[in-house]
PDB file of N, CA and C in Angstrom:
ATOM      1  N   MET A   1       0.824  -1.187   0.000  1.00  0.00           N
ATOM      2  CA  MET A   1       0.000   0.000   0.000  1.00  0.00           C
ATOM      3  C   MET A   1       0.878   1.265   0.000  1.00  0.00           C
ATOM      4  N   ALA A   2       1.924   1.260   0.815  1.00  0.00           N
ATOM      5  CA  ALA A   2       2.806   2.427   0.874  1.00  0.00           C
ATOM      6  C   ALA A   2       3.511   2.638  -0.460  1.00  0.00           C
ATOM      7  N   GLN A   3       3.879   1.550  -1.122  1.00  0.00           N
ATOM      8  CA  GLN A   3       4.545   1.668  -2.424  1.00  0.00           C
ATOM      9  C   GLN A   3       3.602   2.309  -3.436  1.00  0.00           C
ATOM     10  N   LYS A   4       2.326   1.954  -3.376  1.00  0.00           N
ATOM     11  CA  LYS A   4       1.322   2.556  -4.269  1.00  0.00           C
ATOM     12  C   LYS A   4       1.155   4.044  -3.956  1.00  0.00           C
ATOM     13  N   GLN A   5       1.167   4.385  -2.672  1.00  0.00           N
ATOM     14  CA  GLN A   5       1.061   5.791  -2.285  1.00  0.00           C
ATOM     15  C   GLN A   5       2.258   6.588  -2.805  1.00  0.00           C
ATOM     16  N   LEU A   6       3.441   5.992  -2.712  1.00  0.00           N
ATOM     17  CA  LEU A   6       4.635   6.658  -3.222  1.00  0.00           C
ATOM     18  C   LEU A   6       4.520   6.891  -4.725  1.00  0.00           C
ATOM     19  N   GLN A   7       4.046   5.902  -5.431  1.00  0.00           N
ATOM     20  CA  GLN A   7       3.853   6.034  -6.874  1.00  0.00           C
ATOM     21  C   GLN A   7       2.864   7.160  -7.186  1.00  0.00           C
ATOM     22  N   GLN A   8       1.784   7.248  -6.436  1.00  0.00           N
ATOM     23  CA  GLN A   8       0.797   8.308  -6.645  1.00  0.00           C
ATOM     24  C   GLN A   8       1.386   9.685  -6.354  1.00  0.00           C
ATOM     25  N   LEU A   9       2.177   9.788  -5.283  1.00  0.00           N
ATOM     26  CA  LEU A   9       2.821  11.071  -4.968  1.00  0.00           C
ATOM     27  C   LEU A   9       3.776  11.478  -6.084  1.00  0.00           C
ATOM     28  N   ASN A  10       4.547  10.531  -6.583  1.00  0.00           N
ATOM     29  CA  ASN A  10       5.480  10.832  -7.667  1.00  0.00           C
ATOM     30  C   ASN A  10       4.747  11.251  -8.935  1.00  0.00           C
ATOM     31  N   GLU A  11       3.629  10.615  -9.226  1.00  0.00           N
ATOM     32  CA  GLU A  11       2.835  10.990 -10.398  1.00  0.00           C
ATOM     33  C   GLU A  11       2.262  12.393 -10.236  1.00  0.00           C
ATOM     34  N   THR A  12       1.775  12.690  -9.056  1.00  0.00           N
ATOM     35  CA  THR A  12       1.236  14.030  -8.783  1.00  0.00           C
ATOM     36  C   THR A  12       2.328  15.081  -8.951  1.00  0.00           C
ATOM     37  N   SER A  13       3.478  14.817  -8.392  1.00  0.00           N
ATOM     38  CA  SER A  13       4.605  15.738  -8.495  1.00  0.00           C
ATOM     39  C   SER A  13       5.064  15.895  -9.941  1.00  0.00           C
ATOM     40  N   ALA A  14       5.069  14.800 -10.689  1.00  0.00           N
ATOM     41  CA  ALA A  14       5.493  14.830 -12.093  1.00  0.00           C
ATOM     42  C   ALA A  14       4.556  15.684 -12.943  1.00  0.00           C
ATOM     43  N   ARG A  15       3.292  15.798 -12.527  1.00  0.00           N
ATOM     44  CA  ARG A  15       2.337  16.659 -13.238  1.00  0.00           C
ATOM     45  C   ARG A  15       2.518  18.133 -12.868  1.00  0.00           C
ATOM     46  N   GLY A  16       3.450  18.395 -11.969  1.00  0.00           N
ATOM     47  CA  GLY A  16       3.712  19.774 -11.570  1.00  0.00           C
ATOM     48  C   GLY A  16       2.875  20.240 -10.398  1.00  0.00           C
ATOM     49  N   GLU A  17       2.144  19.328  -9.785  1.00  0.00           N
ATOM     50  CA  GLU A  17       1.324  19.682  -8.634  1.00  0.00           C
ATOM     51  C   GLU A  17       2.171  19.626  -7.363  1.00  0.00           C
ATOM     52  N   TYR A  18       1.865  20.494  -6.444  1.00  0.00           N
ATOM     53  CA  TYR A  18       2.588  20.555  -5.176  1.00  0.00           C
ATOM     54  C   TYR A  18       2.232  19.351  -4.301  1.00  0.00           C
ATOM     55  N   VAL A  19       3.245  18.720  -3.756  1.00  0.00           N
ATOM     56  CA  VAL A  19       3.063  17.634  -2.788  1.00  0.00           C
ATOM     57  C   VAL A  19       3.854  18.018  -1.543  1.00  0.00           C
ATOM     58  N   PRO A  20       3.175  18.193  -0.414  1.00  0.00           N
ATOM     59  CA  PRO A  20       3.889  18.563   0.809  1.00  0.00           C
ATOM     60  C   PRO A  20       4.910  17.495   1.198  1.00  0.00           C
ATOM     61  N   ALA A  21       6.025  17.932   1.707  1.00  0.00           N
ATOM     62  CA  ALA A  21       7.098  17.021   2.106  1.00  0.00           C
ATOM     63  C   ALA A  21       6.632  16.026   3.157  1.00  0.00           C
ATOM     64  N   TRP A  22       5.738  16.416   4.042  1.00  0.00           N
ATOM     65  CA  TRP A  22       5.293  15.515   5.091  1.00  0.00           C
ATOM     66  C   TRP A  22       4.600  14.291   4.530  1.00  0.00           C
ATOM     67  N   ARG A  23       3.984  14.416   3.349  1.00  0.00           N
ATOM     68  CA  ARG A  23       3.322  13.252   2.747  1.00  0.00           C
ATOM     69  C   ARG A  23       4.354  12.214   2.322  1.00  0.00           C
ATOM     70  N   TYR A  24       5.472  12.669   1.753  1.00  0.00           N
ATOM     71  CA  TYR A  24       6.556  11.742   1.416  1.00  0.00           C
ATOM     72  C   TYR A  24       7.149  11.140   2.688  1.00  0.00           C
ATOM     73  N   LEU A  25       7.326  11.964   3.690  1.00  0.00           N
ATOM     74  CA  LEU A  25       7.875  11.506   4.962  1.00  0.00           C
ATOM     75  C   LEU A  25       7.067  10.338   5.514  1.00  0.00           C
ATOM     76  N   VAL A  26       5.761  10.475   5.536  1.00  0.00           N
ATOM     77  CA  VAL A  26       4.897   9.430   6.083  1.00  0.00           C
ATOM     78  C   VAL A  26       4.995   8.148   5.245  1.00  0.00           C
ATOM     79  N   VAL A  27       5.049   8.289   3.941  1.00  0.00           N
ATOM     80  CA  VAL A  27       5.157   7.106   3.087  1.00  0.00           C
ATOM     81  C   VAL A  27       6.481   6.380   3.329  1.00  0.00           C
ATOM     82  N   TYR A  28       7.570   7.128   3.409  1.00  0.00           N
ATOM     83  CA  TYR A  28       8.859   6.481   3.636  1.00  0.00           C
ATOM     84  C   TYR A  28       8.942   5.841   5.024  1.00  0.00           C
ATOM     85  N   LEU A  29       8.251   6.411   6.002  1.00  0.00           N
ATOM     86  CA  LEU A  29       8.170   5.757   7.307  1.00  0.00           C
ATOM     87  C   LEU A  29       7.456   4.417   7.181  1.00  0.00           C
ATOM     88  N   ARG A  30       6.369   4.398   6.429  1.00  0.00           N
ATOM     89  CA  ARG A  30       5.625   3.151   6.229  1.00  0.00           C
ATOM     90  C   ARG A  30       6.458   2.113   5.485  1.00  0.00           C
ATOM     91  N   LEU A  31       7.309   2.585   4.593  1.00  0.00           N
ATOM     92  CA  LEU A  31       8.174   1.668   3.849  1.00  0.00           C
ATOM     93  C   LEU A  31       9.379   1.205   4.672  1.00  0.00           C
ATOM     94  N   GLY A  32       9.607   1.857   5.817  1.00  0.00           N
ATOM     95  CA  GLY A  32      10.739   1.499   6.665  1.00  0.00           C
ATOM     96  C   GLY A  32      12.066   2.069   6.191  1.00  0.00           C
ATOM     97  N   ASP A  33      12.015   3.064   5.331  1.00  0.00           N
ATOM     98  CA  ASP A  33      13.229   3.689   4.800  1.00  0.00           C
ATOM     99  C   ASP A  33      13.542   4.932   5.633  1.00  0.00           C
ATOM    100  N   ARG A  34      14.293   4.724   6.707  1.00  0.00           N
ATOM    101  CA  ARG A  34      14.575   5.814   7.648  1.00  0.00           C
ATOM    102  C   ARG A  34      15.410   6.927   7.021  1.00  0.00           C
ATOM    103  N   ASP A  35      16.351   6.574   6.157  1.00  0.00           N
ATOM    104  CA  ASP A  35      17.183   7.613   5.549  1.00  0.00           C
ATOM    105  C   ASP A  35      16.347   8.552   4.687  1.00  0.00           C
ATOM    106  N   GLN A  36      15.455   7.998   3.886  1.00  0.00           N
ATOM    107  CA  GLN A  36      14.572   8.846   3.080  1.00  0.00           C
ATOM    108  C   GLN A  36      13.601   9.619   3.977  1.00  0.00           C
ATOM    109  N   ALA A  37      13.125   8.978   5.032  1.00  0.00           N
ATOM    110  CA  ALA A  37      12.221   9.659   5.963  1.00  0.00           C
ATOM    111  C   ALA A  37      12.906  10.887   6.567  1.00  0.00           C
ATOM    112  N   PHE A  38      14.162  10.734   6.962  1.00  0.00           N
ATOM    113  CA  PHE A  38      14.881  11.877   7.517  1.00  0.00           C
ATOM    114  C   PHE A  38      15.130  12.953   6.462  1.00  0.00           C
ATOM    115  N   ALA A  39      15.389  12.557   5.232  1.00  0.00           N
ATOM    116  CA  ALA A  39      15.578  13.543   4.166  1.00  0.00           C
ATOM    117  C   ALA A  39      14.307  14.366   3.983  1.00  0.00           C
ATOM    118  N   TRP A  40      13.162  13.695   4.021  1.00  0.00           N
ATOM    119  CA  TRP A  40      11.891  14.415   3.862  1.00  0.00           C
ATOM    120  C   TRP A  40      11.497  15.166   5.129  1.00  0.00           C
ATOM    121  N   LEU A  41      11.921  14.687   6.287  1.00  0.00           N
ATOM    122  CA  LEU A  41      11.678  15.432   7.523  1.00  0.00           C
ATOM    123  C   LEU A  41      12.398  16.777   7.460  1.00  0.00           C
ATOM    124  N   ALA A  42      13.624  16.763   6.974  1.00  0.00           N
ATOM    125  CA  ALA A  42      14.388  18.006   6.842  1.00  0.00           C
ATOM    126  C   ALA A  42      13.691  18.976   5.898  1.00  0.00           C
ATOM    127  N   LYS A  43      13.095  18.454   4.843  1.00  0.00           N
ATOM    128  CA  LYS A  43      12.357  19.317   3.904  1.00  0.00           C
ATOM    129  C   LYS A  43      11.062  19.816   4.536  1.00  0.00           C
ATOM    130  N   ALA A  44      10.423  18.955   5.318  1.00  0.00           N
ATOM    131  CA  ALA A  44       9.146  19.330   5.938  1.00  0.00           C
ATOM    132  C   ALA A  44       9.298  20.493   6.915  1.00  0.00           C
ATOM    133  N   VAL A  45      10.433  20.570   7.613  1.00  0.00           N
ATOM    134  CA  VAL A  45      10.600  21.681   8.558  1.00  0.00           C
ATOM    135  C   VAL A  45      10.799  23.010   7.830  1.00  0.00           C
ATOM    136  N   GLU A  46      11.170  22.948   6.570  1.00  0.00           N
ATOM    137  CA  GLU A  46      11.363  24.170   5.798  1.00  0.00           C
ATOM    138  C   GLU A  46      10.063  24.711   5.214  1.00  0.00           C
ATOM    139  N   GLU A  47       9.041  23.870   5.178  1.00  0.00           N
ATOM    140  CA  GLU A  47       7.767  24.279   4.600  1.00  0.00           C
ATOM    141  C   GLU A  47       6.838  24.841   5.677  1.00  0.00           C
ATOM    142  N   PRO A  48       6.147  25.912   5.371  1.00  0.00           N
ATOM    143  CA  PRO A  48       5.181  26.440   6.343  1.00  0.00           C
ATOM    144  C   PRO A  48       3.908  25.596   6.300  1.00  0.00           C
ATOM    145  N   ASN A  49       3.747  24.731   7.293  1.00  0.00           N
ATOM    146  CA  ASN A  49       2.551  23.893   7.339  1.00  0.00           C
ATOM    147  C   ASN A  49       2.284  23.446   8.763  1.00  0.00           C
ATOM    148  N   TRP A  50       1.128  22.879   8.976  1.00  0.00           N
ATOM    149  CA  TRP A  50       0.705  22.421  10.297  1.00  0.00           C
ATOM    150  C   TRP A  50       1.561  21.270  10.798  1.00  0.00           C
ATOM    151  N   PHE A  51       2.057  20.449   9.885  1.00  0.00           N
ATOM    152  CA  PHE A  51       2.816  19.266  10.293  1.00  0.00           C
ATOM    153  C   PHE A  51       4.083  19.667  11.049  1.00  0.00           C
ATOM    154  N   ALA A  52       4.736  20.708  10.581  1.00  0.00           N
ATOM    155  CA  ALA A  52       5.964  21.166  11.237  1.00  0.00           C
ATOM    156  C   ALA A  52       5.702  21.578  12.687  1.00  0.00           C
ATOM    157  N   LEU A  53       4.531  22.095  12.946  1.00  0.00           N
ATOM    158  CA  LEU A  53       4.194  22.524  14.303  1.00  0.00           C
ATOM    159  C   LEU A  53       3.942  21.350  15.249  1.00  0.00           C
ATOM    160  N   GLN A  54       3.667  20.176  14.690  1.00  0.00           N
ATOM    161  CA  GLN A  54       3.351  19.004  15.505  1.00  0.00           C
ATOM    162  C   GLN A  54       4.492  17.997  15.618  1.00  0.00           C
ATOM    163  N   MET A  55       5.621  18.282  15.063  1.00  0.00           N
ATOM    164  CA  MET A  55       6.679  17.282  14.977  1.00  0.00           C
ATOM    165  C   MET A  55       7.119  16.727  16.323  1.00  0.00           C
ATOM    166  N   ARG A  56       7.132  17.537  17.336  1.00  0.00           N
ATOM    167  CA  ARG A  56       7.581  17.063  18.649  1.00  0.00           C
ATOM    168  C   ARG A  56       6.576  16.119  19.311  1.00  0.00           C
ATOM    169  N   ILE A  57       5.307  16.195  18.922  1.00  0.00           N
ATOM    170  CA  ILE A  57       4.284  15.392  19.601  1.00  0.00           C
ATOM    171  C   ILE A  57       3.559  14.401  18.693  1.00  0.00           C
ATOM    172  N   ASN A  58       3.705  14.505  17.396  1.00  0.00           N
ATOM    173  CA  ASN A  58       2.972  13.642  16.486  1.00  0.00           C
ATOM    174  C   ASN A  58       3.476  12.201  16.601  1.00  0.00           C
ATOM    175  N   PRO A  59       2.597  11.258  16.970  1.00  0.00           N
ATOM    176  CA  PRO A  59       3.025   9.870  17.153  1.00  0.00           C
ATOM    177  C   PRO A  59       3.476   9.186  15.864  1.00  0.00           C
ATOM    178  N   VAL A  60       3.128   9.722  14.727  1.00  0.00           N
ATOM    179  CA  VAL A  60       3.581   9.164  13.448  1.00  0.00           C
ATOM    180  C   VAL A  60       5.104   9.149  13.388  1.00  0.00           C
ATOM    181  N   LEU A  61       5.716  10.120  14.042  1.00  0.00           N
ATOM    182  CA  LEU A  61       7.171  10.250  14.002  1.00  0.00           C
ATOM    183  C   LEU A  61       7.887   9.463  15.097  1.00  0.00           C
ATOM    184  N   ASP A  62       7.171   8.736  15.918  1.00  0.00           N
ATOM    185  CA  ASP A  62       7.789   7.972  17.003  1.00  0.00           C
ATOM    186  C   ASP A  62       8.935   7.069  16.541  1.00  0.00           C
ATOM    187  N   PRO A  63       8.848   6.424  15.379  1.00  0.00           N
ATOM    188  CA  PRO A  63       9.966   5.565  14.959  1.00  0.00           C
ATOM    189  C   PRO A  63      11.285   6.314  14.727  1.00  0.00           C
ATOM    190  N   LEU A  64      11.222   7.627  14.598  1.00  0.00           N
ATOM    191  CA  LEU A  64      12.425   8.413  14.320  1.00  0.00           C
ATOM    192  C   LEU A  64      13.019   9.069  15.561  1.00  0.00           C
ATOM    193  N   ARG A  65      12.275   9.137  16.626  1.00  0.00           N
ATOM    194  CA  ARG A  65      12.677   9.930  17.798  1.00  0.00           C
ATOM    195  C   ARG A  65      13.984   9.488  18.443  1.00  0.00           C
ATOM    196  N   SER A  66      14.300   8.213  18.414  1.00  0.00           N
ATOM    197  CA  SER A  66      15.514   7.737  19.082  1.00  0.00           C
ATOM    198  C   SER A  66      16.787   8.023  18.279  1.00  0.00           C
ATOM    199  N   ASP A  67      16.639   8.449  17.059  1.00  0.00           N
ATOM    200  CA  ASP A  67      17.792   8.748  16.202  1.00  0.00           C
ATOM    201  C   ASP A  67      18.230  10.191  16.453  1.00  0.00           C
ATOM    202  N   PRO A  68      19.522  10.447  16.649  1.00  0.00           N
ATOM    203  CA  PRO A  68      20.000  11.811  16.898  1.00  0.00           C
ATOM    204  C   PRO A  68      19.653  12.796  15.780  1.00  0.00           C
ATOM    205  N   ARG A  69      19.444  12.290  14.583  1.00  0.00           N
ATOM    206  CA  ARG A  69      19.074  13.176  13.463  1.00  0.00           C
ATOM    207  C   ARG A  69      17.732  13.848  13.714  1.00  0.00           C
ATOM    208  N   PHE A  70      16.846  13.161  14.444  1.00  0.00           N
ATOM    209  CA  PHE A  70      15.522  13.721  14.708  1.00  0.00           C
ATOM    210  C   PHE A  70      15.637  15.027  15.485  1.00  0.00           C
ATOM    211  N   GLU A  71      16.338  14.991  16.584  1.00  0.00           N
ATOM    212  CA  GLU A  71      16.463  16.195  17.416  1.00  0.00           C
ATOM    213  C   GLU A  71      17.209  17.299  16.683  1.00  0.00           C
ATOM    214  N   LYS A  72      18.188  16.930  15.893  1.00  0.00           N
ATOM    215  CA  LYS A  72      18.934  17.932  15.134  1.00  0.00           C
ATOM    216  C   LYS A  72      18.006  18.658  14.158  1.00  0.00           C
ATOM    217  N   ILE A  73      17.180  17.896  13.444  1.00  0.00           N
ATOM    218  CA  ILE A  73      16.272  18.502  12.457  1.00  0.00           C
ATOM    219  C   ILE A  73      15.168  19.284  13.149  1.00  0.00           C
ATOM    220  N   VAL A  74      14.519  18.676  14.119  1.00  0.00           N
ATOM    221  CA  VAL A  74      13.419  19.347  14.802  1.00  0.00           C
ATOM    222  C   VAL A  74      13.937  20.527  15.625  1.00  0.00           C
ATOM    223  N   GLY A  75      15.128  20.402  16.174  1.00  0.00           N
ATOM    224  CA  GLY A  75      15.741  21.516  16.900  1.00  0.00           C
ATOM    225  C   GLY A  75      15.998  22.709  16.013  1.00  0.00           C
ATOM    226  N   SER A  76      16.299  22.451  14.747  1.00  0.00           N
ATOM    227  CA  SER A  76      16.519  23.552  13.811  1.00  0.00           C
ATOM    228  C   SER A  76      15.223  24.323  13.578  1.00  0.00           C
ATOM    229  N   LEU A  77      14.106  23.641  13.682  1.00  0.00           N
ATOM    230  CA  LEU A  77      12.795  24.295  13.533  1.00  0.00           C
ATOM    231  C   LEU A  77      12.587  25.274  14.679  1.00  0.00           C
ATOM    232  N   ALA A  78      12.922  24.866  15.883  1.00  0.00           N
ATOM    233  CA  ALA A  78      12.742  25.730  17.053  1.00  0.00           C
ATOM    234  C   ALA A  78      13.568  27.009  16.937  1.00  0.00           C
ATOM    235  N   SER A  79      14.774  26.886  16.400  1.00  0.00           N
ATOM    236  CA  SER A  79      15.615  28.083  16.292  1.00  0.00           C
ATOM    237  C   SER A  79      15.095  29.043  15.230  1.00  0.00           C
ATOM    238  N   THR A  80      14.380  28.546  14.235  1.00  0.00           N
ATOM    239  CA  THR A  80      13.838  29.456  13.217  1.00  0.00           C
ATOM    240  C   THR A  80      12.551  30.085  13.689  1.00  0.00           C
ATOM    241  N   GLU A  81      11.812  29.439  14.635  1.00  0.00           N
ATOM    242  CA  GLU A  81      10.582  30.008  15.130  1.00  0.00           C
ATOM    243  C   GLU A  81      10.829  31.208  16.041  1.00  0.00           C
ATOM    244  N   VAL A  82      11.968  31.252  16.690  1.00  0.00           N
ATOM    245  CA  VAL A  82      12.294  32.306  17.654  1.00  0.00           C
ATOM    246  C   VAL A  82      12.499  33.651  16.974  1.00  0.00           C
ATOM    247  N   LYS A  83      12.940  33.638  15.737  1.00  0.00           N
ATOM    248  CA  LYS A  83      13.271  34.887  15.038  1.00  0.00           C
ATOM    249  C   LYS A  83      12.145  35.860  14.963  1.00  0.00           C
TER     250      LYS A  83
END
């Protein structure tokens, strides 16, 4: 199912339609590809959206929390919010 979702996201993007980074992030989490999930997490914090505001508490991201990359990426969000 996640592979089909990824294919649909890629098709949508290929048509020139905007696909939020968090949607890719969730698909890669479902696929178990942590490296891609972190790449999309980094992109998601750069986009102005509701998902970025929930990163510290959203249970969808629980599989990533124990990795030091998580705090580094999410911590960068906090420093940009202070400005």
